[in-house]
Amino acid sequence: MVLPIWSNWWILQMCMALAALFAIIMAAGMAYKMMVKHEPLDVMKLFRVVRLVLVVSAGRYGHGGQRE
C-alpha cells in the first residue's frame, strides 16, 4: 500500500524545525563572536541568518490550520 505524501507531513515539519533551530544557533554564534572581538553588533549581518528562520517558520505554520 502506498501512502499519500501528505500523510507524512510531520517529517517535513521536523526538518523545517531543525533548520530553524540551526539558523538560530548560527546567529547566536555570530553574535557571540562579535561580542568577544568587541565589535559593534551588526544587525544586518545577523538578519541574514534570522531571515532563514522567518521563512522556515512561515512554511511550517503557513497552512493556517487547514490540515486534515
N, C-alpha and C. Protein backbone atom coordinates (compact mmCIF):
# COMPACT_ATOMS: atom_id res chain seq x y z
N MET A 1 0.84 -1.18 0.00
CA MET A 1 0.00 0.00 0.00
C MET A 1 0.88 1.24 0.00
N VAL A 2 0.63 2.13 -0.90
CA VAL A 2 1.40 3.37 -1.00
C VAL A 2 0.63 4.48 -0.29
N LEU A 3 1.29 5.10 0.69
CA LEU A 3 0.64 6.18 1.42
C LEU A 3 0.78 7.49 0.64
N PRO A 4 -0.22 8.35 0.70
CA PRO A 4 -0.08 9.65 0.05
C PRO A 4 0.97 10.50 0.73
N ILE A 5 1.53 11.44 0.00
CA ILE A 5 2.64 12.24 0.50
C ILE A 5 2.23 13.10 1.69
N TRP A 6 0.98 13.55 1.75
CA TRP A 6 0.57 14.44 2.85
C TRP A 6 0.33 13.69 4.15
N SER A 7 0.37 12.36 4.14
CA SER A 7 0.20 11.63 5.40
C SER A 7 1.47 11.68 6.24
N ASN A 8 2.60 12.04 5.65
CA ASN A 8 3.87 12.14 6.37
C ASN A 8 4.30 13.60 6.49
N TRP A 9 3.38 14.51 6.67
CA TRP A 9 3.70 15.94 6.73
C TRP A 9 4.56 16.27 7.94
N TRP A 10 4.49 15.46 8.99
CA TRP A 10 5.25 15.75 10.21
C TRP A 10 6.75 15.62 9.97
N ILE A 11 7.16 14.77 9.03
CA ILE A 11 8.59 14.64 8.73
C ILE A 11 9.11 15.95 8.16
N LEU A 12 8.35 16.55 7.26
CA LEU A 12 8.73 17.84 6.69
C LEU A 12 8.75 18.92 7.76
N GLN A 13 7.80 18.90 8.66
CA GLN A 13 7.78 19.89 9.74
C GLN A 13 8.99 19.75 10.66
N MET A 14 9.39 18.53 10.95
CA MET A 14 10.56 18.33 11.81
C MET A 14 11.83 18.80 11.12
N CYS A 15 11.94 18.57 9.83
CA CYS A 15 13.10 19.05 9.07
C CYS A 15 13.16 20.58 9.08
N MET A 16 12.01 21.23 8.91
CA MET A 16 11.99 22.69 8.93
C MET A 16 12.28 23.22 10.33
N ALA A 17 11.82 22.53 11.35
CA ALA A 17 12.10 22.97 12.73
C ALA A 17 13.60 22.84 13.03
N LEU A 18 14.23 21.77 12.57
CA LEU A 18 15.67 21.61 12.77
C LEU A 18 16.46 22.67 12.01
N ALA A 19 16.00 23.02 10.81
CA ALA A 19 16.68 24.08 10.04
C ALA A 19 16.56 25.42 10.76
N ALA A 20 15.39 25.72 11.31
CA ALA A 20 15.21 26.97 12.05
C ALA A 20 16.07 26.99 13.31
N LEU A 21 16.15 25.86 14.01
CA LEU A 21 16.99 25.78 15.21
C LEU A 21 18.46 25.98 14.85
N PHE A 22 18.90 25.38 13.77
CA PHE A 22 20.29 25.54 13.33
C PHE A 22 20.58 27.00 12.98
N ALA A 23 19.64 27.67 12.32
CA ALA A 23 19.85 29.07 11.96
C ALA A 23 19.91 29.95 13.20
N ILE A 24 19.09 29.66 14.21
CA ILE A 24 19.13 30.44 15.46
C ILE A 24 20.47 30.25 16.16
N ILE A 25 20.95 29.00 16.19
CA ILE A 25 22.24 28.72 16.82
C ILE A 25 23.37 29.41 16.05
N MET A 26 23.28 29.43 14.72
CA MET A 26 24.29 30.12 13.91
C MET A 26 24.30 31.62 14.20
N ALA A 27 23.14 32.22 14.30
CA ALA A 27 23.05 33.65 14.59
C ALA A 27 23.60 33.96 15.97
N ALA A 28 23.32 33.09 16.94
CA ALA A 28 23.84 33.30 18.29
C ALA A 28 25.36 33.17 18.29
N GLY A 29 25.89 32.24 17.54
CA GLY A 29 27.34 32.09 17.43
C GLY A 29 28.00 33.31 16.78
N MET A 30 27.35 33.85 15.76
CA MET A 30 27.88 35.06 15.12
C MET A 30 27.87 36.23 16.09
N ALA A 31 26.78 36.37 16.84
CA ALA A 31 26.68 37.47 17.81
C ALA A 31 27.72 37.31 18.90
N TYR A 32 27.96 36.08 19.34
CA TYR A 32 28.96 35.83 20.38
C TYR A 32 30.36 36.20 19.89
N LYS A 33 30.67 35.83 18.65
CA LYS A 33 31.99 36.17 18.10
C LYS A 33 32.18 37.68 18.01
N MET A 34 31.11 38.39 17.64
CA MET A 34 31.20 39.85 17.58
C MET A 34 31.40 40.44 18.97
N MET A 35 30.75 39.86 19.97
CA MET A 35 30.91 40.37 21.34
C MET A 35 32.32 40.10 21.86
N VAL A 36 32.87 38.93 21.55
CA VAL A 36 34.21 38.59 22.02
C VAL A 36 35.25 39.51 21.40
N LYS A 37 35.06 39.87 20.13
CA LYS A 37 36.00 40.75 19.44
C LYS A 37 35.76 42.22 19.77
N HIS A 38 34.77 42.50 20.61
CA HIS A 38 34.38 43.86 20.99
C HIS A 38 34.00 44.70 19.77
N GLU A 39 33.36 44.06 18.81
CA GLU A 39 32.84 44.76 17.64
C GLU A 39 31.41 45.22 17.95
N PRO A 40 30.96 46.27 17.29
CA PRO A 40 29.55 46.64 17.45
C PRO A 40 28.67 45.56 16.81
N LEU A 41 27.51 45.33 17.39
CA LEU A 41 26.62 44.29 16.91
C LEU A 41 26.06 44.70 15.55
N ASP A 42 26.41 43.96 14.52
CA ASP A 42 25.95 44.25 13.16
C ASP A 42 24.61 43.56 12.94
N VAL A 43 23.55 44.33 13.01
CA VAL A 43 22.19 43.77 12.93
C VAL A 43 21.91 43.22 11.54
N MET A 44 22.41 43.88 10.52
CA MET A 44 22.14 43.42 9.16
C MET A 44 22.82 42.08 8.88
N LYS A 45 23.99 41.86 9.45
CA LYS A 45 24.67 40.58 9.27
C LYS A 45 23.89 39.47 9.96
N LEU A 46 23.36 39.75 11.14
CA LEU A 46 22.57 38.76 11.86
C LEU A 46 21.21 38.54 11.20
N PHE A 47 20.69 39.59 10.57
CA PHE A 47 19.36 39.49 9.95
C PHE A 47 19.37 38.52 8.78
N ARG A 48 20.53 38.37 8.12
CA ARG A 48 20.61 37.41 7.02
C ARG A 48 20.30 36.00 7.50
N VAL A 49 20.77 35.66 8.68
CA VAL A 49 20.51 34.33 9.23
C VAL A 49 19.10 34.24 9.79
N VAL A 50 18.65 35.28 10.46
CA VAL A 50 17.30 35.28 11.06
C VAL A 50 16.23 35.24 9.97
N ARG A 51 16.55 35.76 8.81
CA ARG A 51 15.61 35.72 7.68
C ARG A 51 15.27 34.27 7.32
N LEU A 52 16.27 33.38 7.41
CA LEU A 52 16.02 31.97 7.15
C LEU A 52 15.03 31.40 8.16
N VAL A 53 15.16 31.81 9.42
CA VAL A 53 14.22 31.34 10.45
C VAL A 53 12.81 31.80 10.12
N LEU A 54 12.67 33.04 9.68
CA LEU A 54 11.34 33.55 9.36
C LEU A 54 10.72 32.81 8.18
N VAL A 55 11.51 32.52 7.17
CA VAL A 55 10.98 31.81 6.00
C VAL A 55 10.59 30.39 6.36
N VAL A 56 11.44 29.71 7.12
CA VAL A 56 11.13 28.34 7.51
C VAL A 56 9.92 28.30 8.43
N SER A 57 9.82 29.25 9.35
CA SER A 57 8.67 29.28 10.25
C SER A 57 7.38 29.58 9.49
N ALA A 58 7.47 30.43 8.49
CA ALA A 58 6.28 30.73 7.70
C ALA A 58 5.85 29.49 6.91
N GLY A 59 6.81 28.71 6.47
CA GLY A 59 6.47 27.48 5.76
C GLY A 59 5.90 26.43 6.68
N ARG A 60 6.36 26.44 7.92
CA ARG A 60 5.91 25.44 8.87
C ARG A 60 4.50 25.76 9.37
N TYR A 61 4.25 27.01 9.67
CA TYR A 61 2.96 27.39 10.23
C TYR A 61 2.06 28.08 9.22
N GLY A 62 2.44 28.06 7.97
CA GLY A 62 1.68 28.79 6.96
C GLY A 62 0.42 28.12 6.46
N HIS A 63 0.12 26.90 6.92
CA HIS A 63 -1.05 26.21 6.40
C HIS A 63 -2.35 26.74 6.97
N GLY A 64 -2.30 27.56 8.00
CA GLY A 64 -3.49 28.21 8.54
C GLY A 64 -4.44 27.28 9.26
N GLY A 65 -3.97 26.15 9.72
CA GLY A 65 -4.84 25.23 10.46
C GLY A 65 -5.78 24.42 9.59
N GLN A 66 -5.53 24.35 8.31
CA GLN A 66 -6.41 23.63 7.39
C GLN A 66 -6.00 22.18 7.22
N ARG A 67 -5.09 21.70 8.05
CA ARG A 67 -4.60 20.33 7.94
C ARG A 67 -5.69 19.34 8.34
N GLU A 68 -5.87 18.31 7.55
CA GLU A 68 -6.89 17.30 7.86
C GLU A 68 -6.27 15.97 8.12
